[in-house]
Amino acid sequence: MAGIKARLDGLRSFAEKCRGKQLVFLYQTPDGKEKRGNIDDLISDNGTFLRVLSGNRLDDLDKMIEYELKNITTAEEPAERET
């Protein structure tokens, strides 16, 4: 039984290693304070992304890109191109 538990622990650590380390962001809150935290912190604080401080988890990056795409606004209509 101890061998099975050790094997499961090994598989768990391998899966976590493959998944990557959680991204830690530097972001600015609406009141102007700079904070650091994970993607869930950034979203709950309605923060503005500044930079990634550490980590390599692609799932967190996907979540951050989705959040940022929802917040993009433009000031005016794009100019028409002459062809």
N, C-alpha and C. Protein backbone atom coordinates (compact mmCIF):
# COMPACT_ATOMS: atom_id res chain seq x y z
N MET A 1 0.82 -1.20 0.00
CA MET A 1 0.00 0.00 0.00
C MET A 1 0.87 1.26 0.00
N ALA A 2 1.97 1.22 0.72
CA ALA A 2 2.87 2.38 0.77
C ALA A 2 3.48 2.66 -0.61
N GLY A 3 3.73 1.58 -1.37
CA GLY A 3 4.29 1.74 -2.72
C GLY A 3 3.31 2.44 -3.66
N ILE A 4 2.02 2.13 -3.51
CA ILE A 4 1.00 2.77 -4.34
C ILE A 4 0.90 4.25 -4.00
N LYS A 5 0.93 4.56 -2.71
CA LYS A 5 0.85 5.96 -2.29
C LYS A 5 2.05 6.75 -2.79
N ALA A 6 3.23 6.16 -2.73
CA ALA A 6 4.44 6.83 -3.22
C ALA A 6 4.34 7.05 -4.73
N ARG A 7 3.83 6.06 -5.43
CA ARG A 7 3.68 6.18 -6.90
C ARG A 7 2.67 7.29 -7.24
N LEU A 8 1.55 7.35 -6.51
CA LEU A 8 0.55 8.40 -6.74
C LEU A 8 1.13 9.79 -6.45
N ASP A 9 1.91 9.90 -5.38
CA ASP A 9 2.56 11.18 -5.07
C ASP A 9 3.52 11.59 -6.18
N GLY A 10 4.25 10.61 -6.72
CA GLY A 10 5.15 10.89 -7.83
C GLY A 10 4.40 11.36 -9.07
N LEU A 11 3.29 10.70 -9.37
CA LEU A 11 2.47 11.10 -10.52
C LEU A 11 1.88 12.49 -10.31
N ARG A 12 1.45 12.79 -9.08
CA ARG A 12 0.89 14.11 -8.77
C ARG A 12 1.94 15.21 -8.96
N SER A 13 3.14 14.98 -8.48
CA SER A 13 4.18 16.00 -8.62
C SER A 13 4.58 16.16 -10.09
N PHE A 14 4.59 15.07 -10.85
CA PHE A 14 4.89 15.16 -12.27
C PHE A 14 3.82 15.97 -13.00
N ALA A 15 2.56 15.73 -12.70
CA ALA A 15 1.46 16.47 -13.34
C ALA A 15 1.55 17.95 -13.00
N GLU A 16 1.87 18.29 -11.76
CA GLU A 16 1.99 19.70 -11.37
C GLU A 16 3.15 20.36 -12.08
N LYS A 17 4.25 19.62 -12.28
CA LYS A 17 5.41 20.16 -12.97
C LYS A 17 5.08 20.44 -14.44
N CYS A 18 4.34 19.54 -15.07
CA CYS A 18 3.94 19.71 -16.46
C CYS A 18 2.97 20.87 -16.63
N ARG A 19 2.16 21.10 -15.63
CA ARG A 19 1.14 22.15 -15.69
C ARG A 19 1.76 23.54 -15.65
N GLY A 20 2.91 23.68 -15.05
CA GLY A 20 3.58 24.96 -14.98
C GLY A 20 3.34 25.66 -13.66
N LYS A 21 4.12 26.70 -13.43
CA LYS A 21 3.98 27.49 -12.21
C LYS A 21 3.01 28.63 -12.45
N GLN A 22 2.21 28.90 -11.45
CA GLN A 22 1.19 29.94 -11.55
C GLN A 22 1.84 31.30 -11.86
N LEU A 23 1.22 32.03 -12.79
CA LEU A 23 1.73 33.36 -13.13
C LEU A 23 1.45 34.33 -11.99
N VAL A 24 2.43 35.17 -11.72
CA VAL A 24 2.28 36.25 -10.75
C VAL A 24 2.37 37.56 -11.54
N PHE A 25 1.32 38.36 -11.44
CA PHE A 25 1.21 39.59 -12.20
C PHE A 25 1.47 40.81 -11.34
N LEU A 26 1.97 41.86 -11.96
CA LEU A 26 1.96 43.20 -11.37
C LEU A 26 0.85 43.92 -12.11
N TYR A 27 -0.08 44.49 -11.34
CA TYR A 27 -1.22 45.16 -11.95
C TYR A 27 -1.59 46.39 -11.15
N GLN A 28 -2.36 47.26 -11.80
CA GLN A 28 -2.79 48.50 -11.16
C GLN A 28 -4.29 48.45 -10.92
N THR A 29 -4.70 48.80 -9.71
CA THR A 29 -6.12 48.82 -9.37
C THR A 29 -6.74 50.13 -9.85
N PRO A 30 -8.06 50.21 -9.94
CA PRO A 30 -8.70 51.44 -10.40
C PRO A 30 -8.36 52.67 -9.55
N ASP A 31 -8.01 52.47 -8.28
CA ASP A 31 -7.65 53.63 -7.44
C ASP A 31 -6.17 53.99 -7.55
N GLY A 32 -5.43 53.35 -8.47
CA GLY A 32 -4.05 53.73 -8.76
C GLY A 32 -2.98 52.97 -8.01
N LYS A 33 -3.34 52.05 -7.14
CA LYS A 33 -2.35 51.28 -6.39
C LYS A 33 -1.82 50.14 -7.25
N GLU A 34 -0.52 49.88 -7.13
CA GLU A 34 0.07 48.73 -7.80
C GLU A 34 0.05 47.55 -6.85
N LYS A 35 -0.37 46.41 -7.36
CA LYS A 35 -0.44 45.19 -6.56
C LYS A 35 0.18 44.05 -7.35
N ARG A 36 0.52 43.00 -6.64
CA ARG A 36 0.96 41.77 -7.29
C ARG A 36 0.06 40.65 -6.82
N GLY A 37 -0.24 39.74 -7.74
CA GLY A 37 -1.11 38.62 -7.42
C GLY A 37 -1.32 37.73 -8.63
N ASN A 38 -2.16 36.74 -8.46
CA ASN A 38 -2.44 35.82 -9.56
C ASN A 38 -3.57 36.39 -10.43
N ILE A 39 -3.96 35.65 -11.44
CA ILE A 39 -4.97 36.14 -12.38
C ILE A 39 -6.32 36.36 -11.71
N ASP A 40 -6.66 35.52 -10.74
CA ASP A 40 -7.94 35.70 -10.05
C ASP A 40 -7.94 36.98 -9.22
N ASP A 41 -6.79 37.33 -8.63
CA ASP A 41 -6.67 38.59 -7.90
C ASP A 41 -6.84 39.78 -8.84
N LEU A 42 -6.18 39.71 -9.99
CA LEU A 42 -6.25 40.79 -10.98
C LEU A 42 -7.70 41.03 -11.42
N ILE A 43 -8.41 39.95 -11.71
CA ILE A 43 -9.79 40.06 -12.17
C ILE A 43 -10.70 40.58 -11.07
N SER A 44 -10.56 40.05 -9.85
CA SER A 44 -11.44 40.47 -8.76
C SER A 44 -11.21 41.93 -8.36
N ASP A 45 -9.97 42.41 -8.53
CA ASP A 45 -9.67 43.82 -8.23
C ASP A 45 -9.96 44.74 -9.40
N ASN A 46 -10.44 44.18 -10.53
CA ASN A 46 -10.67 44.93 -11.75
C ASN A 46 -9.40 45.69 -12.16
N GLY A 47 -8.28 44.97 -12.08
CA GLY A 47 -6.97 45.58 -12.32
C GLY A 47 -6.63 45.73 -13.78
N THR A 48 -5.60 46.54 -14.01
CA THR A 48 -5.04 46.75 -15.33
C THR A 48 -3.67 46.08 -15.36
N PHE A 49 -3.47 45.17 -16.29
CA PHE A 49 -2.23 44.41 -16.40
C PHE A 49 -1.05 45.34 -16.65
N LEU A 50 0.04 45.14 -15.90
CA LEU A 50 1.27 45.88 -16.14
C LEU A 50 2.37 44.95 -16.67
N ARG A 51 2.64 43.85 -15.94
CA ARG A 51 3.65 42.90 -16.41
C ARG A 51 3.54 41.59 -15.64
N VAL A 52 4.17 40.55 -16.20
CA VAL A 52 4.26 39.26 -15.52
C VAL A 52 5.56 39.26 -14.73
N LEU A 53 5.48 38.92 -13.45
CA LEU A 53 6.67 38.89 -12.59
C LEU A 53 7.32 37.51 -12.58
N SER A 54 6.50 36.46 -12.59
CA SER A 54 7.06 35.11 -12.60
C SER A 54 5.99 34.11 -13.02
N GLY A 55 6.43 32.90 -13.31
CA GLY A 55 5.51 31.83 -13.67
C GLY A 55 5.55 31.51 -15.15
N ASN A 56 4.90 30.39 -15.49
CA ASN A 56 4.89 29.96 -16.89
C ASN A 56 3.64 29.16 -17.25
N ARG A 57 2.57 29.30 -16.49
CA ARG A 57 1.36 28.53 -16.74
C ARG A 57 0.55 29.17 -17.87
N LEU A 58 0.38 28.43 -18.95
CA LEU A 58 -0.32 28.95 -20.13
C LEU A 58 -1.81 29.13 -19.88
N ASP A 59 -2.41 28.34 -18.99
CA ASP A 59 -3.83 28.52 -18.67
C ASP A 59 -4.08 29.89 -18.07
N ASP A 60 -3.16 30.36 -17.21
CA ASP A 60 -3.29 31.69 -16.62
C ASP A 60 -3.15 32.77 -17.69
N LEU A 61 -2.26 32.55 -18.64
CA LEU A 61 -2.08 33.51 -19.73
C LEU A 61 -3.33 33.60 -20.58
N ASP A 62 -3.95 32.46 -20.90
CA ASP A 62 -5.19 32.46 -21.67
C ASP A 62 -6.29 33.23 -20.93
N LYS A 63 -6.39 33.01 -19.65
CA LYS A 63 -7.41 33.69 -18.84
C LYS A 63 -7.17 35.19 -18.81
N MET A 64 -5.89 35.60 -18.72
CA MET A 64 -5.56 37.03 -18.71
C MET A 64 -5.88 37.68 -20.06
N ILE A 65 -5.59 36.99 -21.15
CA ILE A 65 -5.88 37.53 -22.48
C ILE A 65 -7.38 37.68 -22.67
N GLU A 66 -8.17 36.70 -22.25
CA GLU A 66 -9.63 36.81 -22.34
C GLU A 66 -10.13 38.02 -21.55
N TYR A 67 -9.60 38.22 -20.35
CA TYR A 67 -9.99 39.35 -19.50
C TYR A 67 -9.63 40.67 -20.17
N GLU A 68 -8.43 40.77 -20.72
CA GLU A 68 -7.98 42.01 -21.35
C GLU A 68 -8.78 42.30 -22.63
N LEU A 69 -9.12 41.28 -23.40
CA LEU A 69 -9.87 41.50 -24.64
C LEU A 69 -11.26 42.07 -24.35
N LYS A 70 -11.85 41.70 -23.21
CA LYS A 70 -13.16 42.23 -22.83
C LYS A 70 -13.08 43.71 -22.46
N ASN A 71 -11.90 44.18 -22.08
CA ASN A 71 -11.75 45.54 -21.58
C ASN A 71 -11.17 46.51 -22.62
N ILE A 72 -10.93 46.04 -23.83
CA ILE A 72 -10.35 46.92 -24.85
C ILE A 72 -11.44 47.85 -25.39
N THR A 73 -11.14 49.13 -25.44
CA THR A 73 -12.04 50.11 -26.03
C THR A 73 -11.24 50.97 -27.01
N THR A 74 -11.92 51.48 -28.00
CA THR A 74 -11.27 52.38 -28.95
C THR A 74 -11.90 53.75 -28.86
N ALA A 75 -11.13 54.76 -29.17
CA ALA A 75 -11.61 56.13 -29.06
C ALA A 75 -12.45 56.53 -30.25
N GLU A 76 -12.17 55.99 -31.41
CA GLU A 76 -12.90 56.39 -32.62
C GLU A 76 -12.91 55.25 -33.61
N GLU A 77 -13.69 55.44 -34.64
CA GLU A 77 -13.75 54.46 -35.71
C GLU A 77 -12.44 54.48 -36.49
N PRO A 78 -11.95 53.34 -36.95
CA PRO A 78 -10.73 53.33 -37.74
C PRO A 78 -10.93 54.02 -39.08
N ALA A 79 -9.90 54.67 -39.56
CA ALA A 79 -9.97 55.37 -40.83
C ALA A 79 -10.06 54.37 -41.97
N GLU A 80 -10.76 54.77 -43.04
CA GLU A 80 -10.86 53.88 -44.20
C GLU A 80 -9.55 53.89 -44.97
N ARG A 81 -9.21 52.73 -45.49
CA ARG A 81 -7.97 52.60 -46.24
C ARG A 81 -8.21 52.89 -47.71
N GLU A 82 -7.27 53.59 -48.29
CA GLU A 82 -7.33 53.83 -49.73
C GLU A 82 -6.63 52.69 -50.43
N THR A 83 -7.25 52.16 -51.48
CA THR A 83 -6.60 51.06 -52.19
C THR A 83 -6.29 51.43 -53.61
